Amino acid sequence: LKRDEDIAKLGKLIRSYFILGGHHIQFNIVDTATLRAAQETPEDYKDLLVRMAGYSDYFNDMNPDLQQEVIDRTENDSF
């Protein structure tokens, strides 16, 4: 989130989620550059955990297709 306006939009989204009955939310706070670096030099990122579909996993334990899905989701710039 690069602008104050983007942060405000995210705040409204989260508030709306809970107002509409949401009970739980989790975020990955990692950038695409870090994820790509972890693919290139996994030994430097042994402790990198990401949240995926209801569970957390070490990024480097994921198969390459799942790693790419995490990267694709991280690159989503809809805010």
PDB file of N, CA and C in Angstrom:
ATOM      1  N   LEU A   1       0.850  -1.166   0.000  1.00  0.00           N
ATOM      2  CA  LEU A   1       0.000   0.000   0.000  1.00  0.00           C
ATOM      3  C   LEU A   1       0.893   1.224   0.000  1.00  0.00           C
ATOM      4  N   LYS A   2       0.782   1.984  -1.045  1.00  0.00           N
ATOM      5  CA  LYS A   2       1.734   3.062  -1.250  1.00  0.00           C
ATOM      6  C   LYS A   2       1.228   4.431  -0.828  1.00  0.00           C
ATOM      7  N   ARG A   3      -0.081   4.591  -0.754  1.00  0.00           N
ATOM      8  CA  ARG A   3      -0.633   5.918  -0.442  1.00  0.00           C
ATOM      9  C   ARG A   3      -1.571   5.825   0.752  1.00  0.00           C
ATOM     10  N   ASP A   4      -1.768   6.946   1.417  1.00  0.00           N
ATOM     11  CA  ASP A   4      -2.719   6.988   2.535  1.00  0.00           C
ATOM     12  C   ASP A   4      -4.108   6.552   2.080  1.00  0.00           C
ATOM     13  N   GLU A   5      -4.465   6.922   0.873  1.00  0.00           N
ATOM     14  CA  GLU A   5      -5.768   6.540   0.319  1.00  0.00           C
ATOM     15  C   GLU A   5      -5.894   5.010   0.235  1.00  0.00           C
ATOM     16  N   ASP A   6      -4.809   4.340  -0.131  1.00  0.00           N
ATOM     17  CA  ASP A   6      -4.819   2.876  -0.219  1.00  0.00           C
ATOM     18  C   ASP A   6      -5.005   2.243   1.159  1.00  0.00           C
ATOM     19  N   ILE A   7      -4.355   2.808   2.153  1.00  0.00           N
ATOM     20  CA  ILE A   7      -4.489   2.300   3.525  1.00  0.00           C
ATOM     21  C   ILE A   7      -5.924   2.490   4.004  1.00  0.00           C
ATOM     22  N   ALA A   8      -6.514   3.632   3.687  1.00  0.00           N
ATOM     23  CA  ALA A   8      -7.907   3.887   4.072  1.00  0.00           C
ATOM     24  C   ALA A   8      -8.846   2.883   3.398  1.00  0.00           C
ATOM     25  N   LYS A   9      -8.602   2.575   2.127  1.00  0.00           N
ATOM     26  CA  LYS A   9      -9.427   1.588   1.419  1.00  0.00           C
ATOM     27  C   LYS A   9      -9.325   0.215   2.075  1.00  0.00           C
ATOM     28  N   LEU A  10      -8.117  -0.171   2.437  1.00  0.00           N
ATOM     29  CA  LEU A  10      -7.937  -1.463   3.098  1.00  0.00           C
ATOM     30  C   LEU A  10      -8.668  -1.479   4.434  1.00  0.00           C
ATOM     31  N   GLY A  11      -8.578  -0.391   5.181  1.00  0.00           N
ATOM     32  CA  GLY A  11      -9.287  -0.298   6.457  1.00  0.00           C
ATOM     33  C   GLY A  11     -10.794  -0.448   6.277  1.00  0.00           C
ATOM     34  N   LYS A  12     -11.345   0.196   5.257  1.00  0.00           N
ATOM     35  CA  LYS A  12     -12.784   0.083   4.982  1.00  0.00           C
ATOM     36  C   LYS A  12     -13.153  -1.345   4.596  1.00  0.00           C
ATOM     37  N   LEU A  13     -12.311  -1.983   3.812  1.00  0.00           N
ATOM     38  CA  LEU A  13     -12.562  -3.369   3.419  1.00  0.00           C
ATOM     39  C   LEU A  13     -12.596  -4.286   4.639  1.00  0.00           C
ATOM     40  N   ILE A  14     -11.629  -4.131   5.525  1.00  0.00           N
ATOM     41  CA  ILE A  14     -11.563  -4.971   6.727  1.00  0.00           C
ATOM     42  C   ILE A  14     -12.764  -4.710   7.631  1.00  0.00           C
ATOM     43  N   ARG A  15     -13.088  -3.438   7.855  1.00  0.00           N
ATOM     44  CA  ARG A  15     -14.260  -3.114   8.684  1.00  0.00           C
ATOM     45  C   ARG A  15     -15.532  -3.703   8.085  1.00  0.00           C
ATOM     46  N   SER A  16     -15.698  -3.572   6.786  1.00  0.00           N
ATOM     47  CA  SER A  16     -16.889  -4.118   6.125  1.00  0.00           C
ATOM     48  C   SER A  16     -16.968  -5.627   6.287  1.00  0.00           C
ATOM     49  N   TYR A  17     -15.838  -6.287   6.158  1.00  0.00           N
ATOM     50  CA  TYR A  17     -15.798  -7.742   6.318  1.00  0.00           C
ATOM     51  C   TYR A  17     -16.348  -8.153   7.684  1.00  0.00           C
ATOM     52  N   PHE A  18     -15.897  -7.483   8.728  1.00  0.00           N
ATOM     53  CA  PHE A  18     -16.358  -7.833  10.076  1.00  0.00           C
ATOM     54  C   PHE A  18     -17.799  -7.384  10.326  1.00  0.00           C
ATOM     55  N   ILE A  19     -18.195  -6.245   9.810  1.00  0.00           N
ATOM     56  CA  ILE A  19     -19.586  -5.793   9.947  1.00  0.00           C
ATOM     57  C   ILE A  19     -20.533  -6.803   9.306  1.00  0.00           C
ATOM     58  N   LEU A  20     -20.102  -7.408   8.216  1.00  0.00           N
ATOM     59  CA  LEU A  20     -20.931  -8.382   7.504  1.00  0.00           C
ATOM     60  C   LEU A  20     -20.832  -9.788   8.087  1.00  0.00           C
ATOM     61  N   GLY A  21     -20.156  -9.923   9.225  1.00  0.00           N
ATOM     62  CA  GLY A  21     -20.143 -11.205   9.919  1.00  0.00           C
ATOM     63  C   GLY A  21     -18.852 -11.985   9.841  1.00  0.00           C
ATOM     64  N   GLY A  22     -17.828 -11.424   9.234  1.00  0.00           N
ATOM     65  CA  GLY A  22     -16.541 -12.119   9.181  1.00  0.00           C
ATOM     66  C   GLY A  22     -15.987 -12.327  10.578  1.00  0.00           C
ATOM     67  N   HIS A  23     -15.298 -13.429  10.775  1.00  0.00           N
ATOM     68  CA  HIS A  23     -14.784 -13.761  12.106  1.00  0.00           C
ATOM     69  C   HIS A  23     -13.260 -13.758  12.195  1.00  0.00           C
ATOM     70  N   HIS A  24     -12.591 -13.908  11.074  1.00  0.00           N
ATOM     71  CA  HIS A  24     -11.146 -14.114  11.129  1.00  0.00           C
ATOM     72  C   HIS A  24     -10.533 -13.649   9.810  1.00  0.00           C
ATOM     73  N   ILE A  25      -9.371 -13.023   9.902  1.00  0.00           N
ATOM     74  CA  ILE A  25      -8.672 -12.586   8.694  1.00  0.00           C
ATOM     75  C   ILE A  25      -7.176 -12.642   8.968  1.00  0.00           C
ATOM     76  N   GLN A  26      -6.404 -13.035   7.969  1.00  0.00           N
ATOM     77  CA  GLN A  26      -4.948 -13.064   8.090  1.00  0.00           C
ATOM     78  C   GLN A  26      -4.335 -12.540   6.800  1.00  0.00           C
ATOM     79  N   PHE A  27      -3.178 -11.936   6.916  1.00  0.00           N
ATOM     80  CA  PHE A  27      -2.494 -11.369   5.765  1.00  0.00           C
ATOM     81  C   PHE A  27      -1.069 -11.892   5.692  1.00  0.00           C
ATOM     82  N   ASN A  28      -0.563 -12.018   4.478  1.00  0.00           N
ATOM     83  CA  ASN A  28       0.865 -12.212   4.268  1.00  0.00           C
ATOM     84  C   ASN A  28       1.476 -10.821   4.130  1.00  0.00           C
ATOM     85  N   ILE A  29       2.482 -10.550   4.919  1.00  0.00           N
ATOM     86  CA  ILE A  29       3.164  -9.265   4.831  1.00  0.00           C
ATOM     87  C   ILE A  29       4.565  -9.539   4.282  1.00  0.00           C
ATOM     88  N   VAL A  30       4.607  -9.715   2.985  1.00  0.00           N
ATOM     89  CA  VAL A  30       5.863 -10.022   2.300  1.00  0.00           C
ATOM     90  C   VAL A  30       5.735  -9.496   0.873  1.00  0.00           C
ATOM     91  N   ASP A  31       6.829  -9.031   0.316  1.00  0.00           N
ATOM     92  CA  ASP A  31       6.754  -8.497  -1.038  1.00  0.00           C
ATOM     93  C   ASP A  31       7.225  -9.526  -2.062  1.00  0.00           C
ATOM     94  N   THR A  32       6.899  -9.251  -3.308  1.00  0.00           N
ATOM     95  CA  THR A  32       7.231 -10.157  -4.399  1.00  0.00           C
ATOM     96  C   THR A  32       8.735 -10.364  -4.519  1.00  0.00           C
ATOM     97  N   ALA A  33       9.504  -9.318  -4.318  1.00  0.00           N
ATOM     98  CA  ALA A  33      10.959  -9.439  -4.440  1.00  0.00           C
ATOM     99  C   ALA A  33      11.509 -10.459  -3.445  1.00  0.00           C
ATOM    100  N   THR A  34      10.991 -10.459  -2.229  1.00  0.00           N
ATOM    101  CA  THR A  34      11.435 -11.423  -1.217  1.00  0.00           C
ATOM    102  C   THR A  34      11.067 -12.840  -1.631  1.00  0.00           C
ATOM    103  N   LEU A  35       9.855 -13.029  -2.142  1.00  0.00           N
ATOM    104  CA  LEU A  35       9.425 -14.364  -2.559  1.00  0.00           C
ATOM    105  C   LEU A  35      10.269 -14.878  -3.723  1.00  0.00           C
ATOM    106  N   ARG A  36      10.553 -14.017  -4.672  1.00  0.00           N
ATOM    107  CA  ARG A  36      11.391 -14.436  -5.814  1.00  0.00           C
ATOM    108  C   ARG A  36      12.825 -14.739  -5.358  1.00  0.00           C
ATOM    109  N   ALA A  37      13.326 -13.946  -4.437  1.00  0.00           N
ATOM    110  CA  ALA A  37      14.664 -14.212  -3.896  1.00  0.00           C
ATOM    111  C   ALA A  37      14.689 -15.555  -3.177  1.00  0.00           C
ATOM    112  N   ALA A  38      13.607 -15.881  -2.480  1.00  0.00           N
ATOM    113  CA  ALA A  38      13.516 -17.169  -1.781  1.00  0.00           C
ATOM    114  C   ALA A  38      13.511 -18.328  -2.765  1.00  0.00           C
ATOM    115  N   GLN A  39      12.947 -18.120  -3.943  1.00  0.00           N
ATOM    116  CA  GLN A  39      12.992 -19.163  -4.968  1.00  0.00           C
ATOM    117  C   GLN A  39      14.412 -19.346  -5.496  1.00  0.00           C
ATOM    118  N   GLU A  40      15.130 -18.252  -5.649  1.00  0.00           N
ATOM    119  CA  GLU A  40      16.477 -18.296  -6.222  1.00  0.00           C
ATOM    120  C   GLU A  40      17.518 -18.808  -5.234  1.00  0.00           C
ATOM    121  N   THR A  41      17.404 -18.395  -3.974  1.00  0.00           N
ATOM    122  CA  THR A  41      18.370 -18.824  -2.951  1.00  0.00           C
ATOM    123  C   THR A  41      17.619 -19.298  -1.713  1.00  0.00           C
ATOM    124  N   PRO A  42      16.985 -20.471  -1.795  1.00  0.00           N
ATOM    125  CA  PRO A  42      16.157 -20.950  -0.688  1.00  0.00           C
ATOM    126  C   PRO A  42      16.909 -21.094   0.631  1.00  0.00           C
ATOM    127  N   GLU A  43      18.196 -21.355   0.558  1.00  0.00           N
ATOM    128  CA  GLU A  43      18.975 -21.518   1.792  1.00  0.00           C
ATOM    129  C   GLU A  43      19.021 -20.230   2.618  1.00  0.00           C
ATOM    130  N   ASP A  44      18.806 -19.087   1.980  1.00  0.00           N
ATOM    131  CA  ASP A  44      18.801 -17.806   2.693  1.00  0.00           C
ATOM    132  C   ASP A  44      17.435 -17.463   3.293  1.00  0.00           C
ATOM    133  N   TYR A  45      16.415 -18.268   2.989  1.00  0.00           N
ATOM    134  CA  TYR A  45      15.043 -17.969   3.412  1.00  0.00           C
ATOM    135  C   TYR A  45      14.377 -19.193   4.035  1.00  0.00           C
ATOM    136  N   LYS A  46      15.116 -19.930   4.827  1.00  0.00           N
ATOM    137  CA  LYS A  46      14.604 -21.167   5.436  1.00  0.00           C
ATOM    138  C   LYS A  46      13.401 -20.926   6.341  1.00  0.00           C
ATOM    139  N   ASP A  47      13.319 -19.757   6.956  1.00  0.00           N
ATOM    140  CA  ASP A  47      12.268 -19.473   7.939  1.00  0.00           C
ATOM    141  C   ASP A  47      11.104 -18.657   7.376  1.00  0.00           C
ATOM    142  N   LEU A  48      11.034 -18.506   6.064  1.00  0.00           N
ATOM    143  CA  LEU A  48       9.978 -17.697   5.454  1.00  0.00           C
ATOM    144  C   LEU A  48       8.657 -18.466   5.452  1.00  0.00           C
ATOM    145  N   LEU A  49       7.725 -18.015   6.287  1.00  0.00           N
ATOM    146  CA  LEU A  49       6.391 -18.613   6.375  1.00  0.00           C
ATOM    147  C   LEU A  49       5.394 -17.757   5.612  1.00  0.00           C
ATOM    148  N   VAL A  50       4.487 -18.421   4.900  1.00  0.00           N
ATOM    149  CA  VAL A  50       3.404 -17.710   4.228  1.00  0.00           C
ATOM    150  C   VAL A  50       2.086 -18.386   4.571  1.00  0.00           C
ATOM    151  N   ARG A  51       1.033 -17.607   4.505  1.00  0.00           N
ATOM    152  CA  ARG A  51      -0.315 -18.100   4.787  1.00  0.00           C
ATOM    153  C   ARG A  51      -0.959 -18.468   3.462  1.00  0.00           C
ATOM    154  N   MET A  52      -1.504 -19.678   3.387  1.00  0.00           N
ATOM    155  CA  MET A  52      -2.091 -20.149   2.137  1.00  0.00           C
ATOM    156  C   MET A  52      -3.307 -21.014   2.427  1.00  0.00           C
ATOM    157  N   ALA A  53      -4.467 -20.578   2.011  1.00  0.00           N
ATOM    158  CA  ALA A  53      -5.691 -21.395   2.053  1.00  0.00           C
ATOM    159  C   ALA A  53      -5.956 -22.029   3.410  1.00  0.00           C
ATOM    160  N   GLY A  54      -5.840 -21.248   4.472  1.00  0.00           N
ATOM    161  CA  GLY A  54      -6.202 -21.751   5.792  1.00  0.00           C
ATOM    162  C   GLY A  54      -5.081 -22.383   6.584  1.00  0.00           C
ATOM    163  N   TYR A  55      -3.885 -22.381   6.069  1.00  0.00           N
ATOM    164  CA  TYR A  55      -2.757 -22.929   6.816  1.00  0.00           C
ATOM    165  C   TYR A  55      -1.503 -22.122   6.496  1.00  0.00           C
ATOM    166  N   SER A  56      -0.508 -22.243   7.342  1.00  0.00           N
ATOM    167  CA  SER A  56       0.783 -21.614   7.091  1.00  0.00           C
ATOM    168  C   SER A  56       1.774 -22.690   6.691  1.00  0.00           C
ATOM    169  N   ASP A  57       2.695 -22.321   5.816  1.00  0.00           N
ATOM    170  CA  ASP A  57       3.711 -23.274   5.379  1.00  0.00           C
ATOM    171  C   ASP A  57       4.995 -22.508   5.087  1.00  0.00           C
ATOM    172  N   TYR A  58       6.097 -23.221   5.198  1.00  0.00           N
ATOM    173  CA  TYR A  58       7.362 -22.636   4.787  1.00  0.00           C
ATOM    174  C   TYR A  58       7.341 -22.503   3.270  1.00  0.00           C
ATOM    175  N   PHE A  59       7.645 -21.325   2.800  1.00  0.00           N
ATOM    176  CA  PHE A  59       7.579 -21.049   1.365  1.00  0.00           C
ATOM    177  C   PHE A  59       8.400 -22.055   0.572  1.00  0.00           C
ATOM    178  N   ASN A  60       9.585 -22.367   1.053  1.00  0.00           N
ATOM    179  CA  ASN A  60      10.468 -23.256   0.305  1.00  0.00           C
ATOM    180  C   ASN A  60      10.070 -24.721   0.381  1.00  0.00           C
ATOM    181  N   ASP A  61       9.116 -25.070   1.240  1.00  0.00           N
ATOM    182  CA  ASP A  61       8.587 -26.437   1.264  1.00  0.00           C
ATOM    183  C   ASP A  61       7.453 -26.617   0.257  1.00  0.00           C
ATOM    184  N   MET A  62       6.963 -25.520  -0.293  1.00  0.00           N
ATOM    185  CA  MET A  62       5.872 -25.587  -1.269  1.00  0.00           C
ATOM    186  C   MET A  62       6.427 -25.983  -2.637  1.00  0.00           C
ATOM    187  N   ASN A  63       5.598 -26.655  -3.429  1.00  0.00           N
ATOM    188  CA  ASN A  63       6.037 -26.976  -4.786  1.00  0.00           C
ATOM    189  C   ASN A  63       6.064 -25.690  -5.615  1.00  0.00           C
ATOM    190  N   PRO A  64       6.796 -25.677  -6.721  1.00  0.00           N
ATOM    191  CA  PRO A  64       6.946 -24.450  -7.511  1.00  0.00           C
ATOM    192  C   PRO A  64       5.622 -23.838  -7.981  1.00  0.00           C
ATOM    193  N   ASP A  65       4.628 -24.670  -8.301  1.00  0.00           N
ATOM    194  CA  ASP A  65       3.337 -24.127  -8.737  1.00  0.00           C
ATOM    195  C   ASP A  65       2.652 -23.354  -7.612  1.00  0.00           C
ATOM    196  N   LEU A  66       2.707 -23.896  -6.411  1.00  0.00           N
ATOM    197  CA  LEU A  66       2.093 -23.221  -5.268  1.00  0.00           C
ATOM    198  C   LEU A  66       2.875 -21.957  -4.906  1.00  0.00           C
ATOM    199  N   GLN A  67       4.199 -22.022  -4.996  1.00  0.00           N
ATOM    200  CA  GLN A  67       5.006 -20.815  -4.784  1.00  0.00           C
ATOM    201  C   GLN A  67       4.581 -19.721  -5.761  1.00  0.00           C
ATOM    202  N   GLN A  68       4.379 -20.102  -7.016  1.00  0.00           N
ATOM    203  CA  GLN A  68       3.982 -19.111  -8.021  1.00  0.00           C
ATOM    204  C   GLN A  68       2.610 -18.537  -7.715  1.00  0.00           C
ATOM    205  N   GLU A  69       1.715 -19.358  -7.189  1.00  0.00           N
ATOM    206  CA  GLU A  69       0.389 -18.843  -6.821  1.00  0.00           C
ATOM    207  C   GLU A  69       0.504 -17.802  -5.709  1.00  0.00           C
ATOM    208  N   VAL A  70       1.358 -18.053  -4.733  1.00  0.00           N
ATOM    209  CA  VAL A  70       1.576 -17.070  -3.665  1.00  0.00           C
ATOM    210  C   VAL A  70       2.124 -15.776  -4.265  1.00  0.00           C
ATOM    211  N   ILE A  71       3.074 -15.902  -5.175  1.00  0.00           N
ATOM    212  CA  ILE A  71       3.643 -14.715  -5.829  1.00  0.00           C
ATOM    213  C   ILE A  71       2.570 -13.978  -6.619  1.00  0.00           C
ATOM    214  N   ASP A  72       1.767 -14.713  -7.368  1.00  0.00           N
ATOM    215  CA  ASP A  72       0.700 -14.079  -8.155  1.00  0.00           C
ATOM    216  C   ASP A  72      -0.266 -13.314  -7.262  1.00  0.00           C
ATOM    217  N   ARG A  73      -0.621 -13.900  -6.131  1.00  0.00           N
ATOM    218  CA  ARG A  73      -1.535 -13.216  -5.203  1.00  0.00           C
ATOM    219  C   ARG A  73      -0.881 -11.972  -4.612  1.00  0.00           C
ATOM    220  N   THR A  74       0.417 -12.058  -4.357  1.00  0.00           N
ATOM    221  CA  THR A  74       1.147 -10.922  -3.799  1.00  0.00           C
ATOM    222  C   THR A  74       1.222  -9.781  -4.808  1.00  0.00           C
ATOM    223  N   GLU A  75       1.302 -10.129  -6.083  1.00  0.00           N
ATOM    224  CA  GLU A  75       1.402  -9.109  -7.127  1.00  0.00           C
ATOM    225  C   GLU A  75       0.072  -8.441  -7.433  1.00  0.00           C
ATOM    226  N   ASN A  76      -1.022  -8.970  -6.913  1.00  0.00           N
ATOM    227  CA  ASN A  76      -2.333  -8.373  -7.146  1.00  0.00           C
ATOM    228  C   ASN A  76      -2.323  -6.959  -6.589  1.00  0.00           C
ATOM    229  N   ASP A  77      -2.455  -5.996  -7.456  1.00  0.00           N
ATOM    230  CA  ASP A  77      -2.325  -4.584  -7.075  1.00  0.00           C
ATOM    231  C   ASP A  77      -3.674  -3.879  -7.112  1.00  0.00           C
ATOM    232  N   SER A  78      -4.719  -4.575  -6.660  1.00  0.00           N
ATOM    233  CA  SER A  78      -6.063  -4.025  -6.794  1.00  0.00           C
ATOM    234  C   SER A  78      -6.361  -2.888  -5.831  1.00  0.00           C
ATOM    235  N   PHE A  79      -5.543  -2.673  -4.813  1.00  0.00           N
ATOM    236  CA  PHE A  79      -5.788  -1.567  -3.889  1.00  0.00           C
ATOM    237  C   PHE A  79      -5.151  -0.317  -4.434  1.00  0.00           C
TER     238      PHE A  79
END
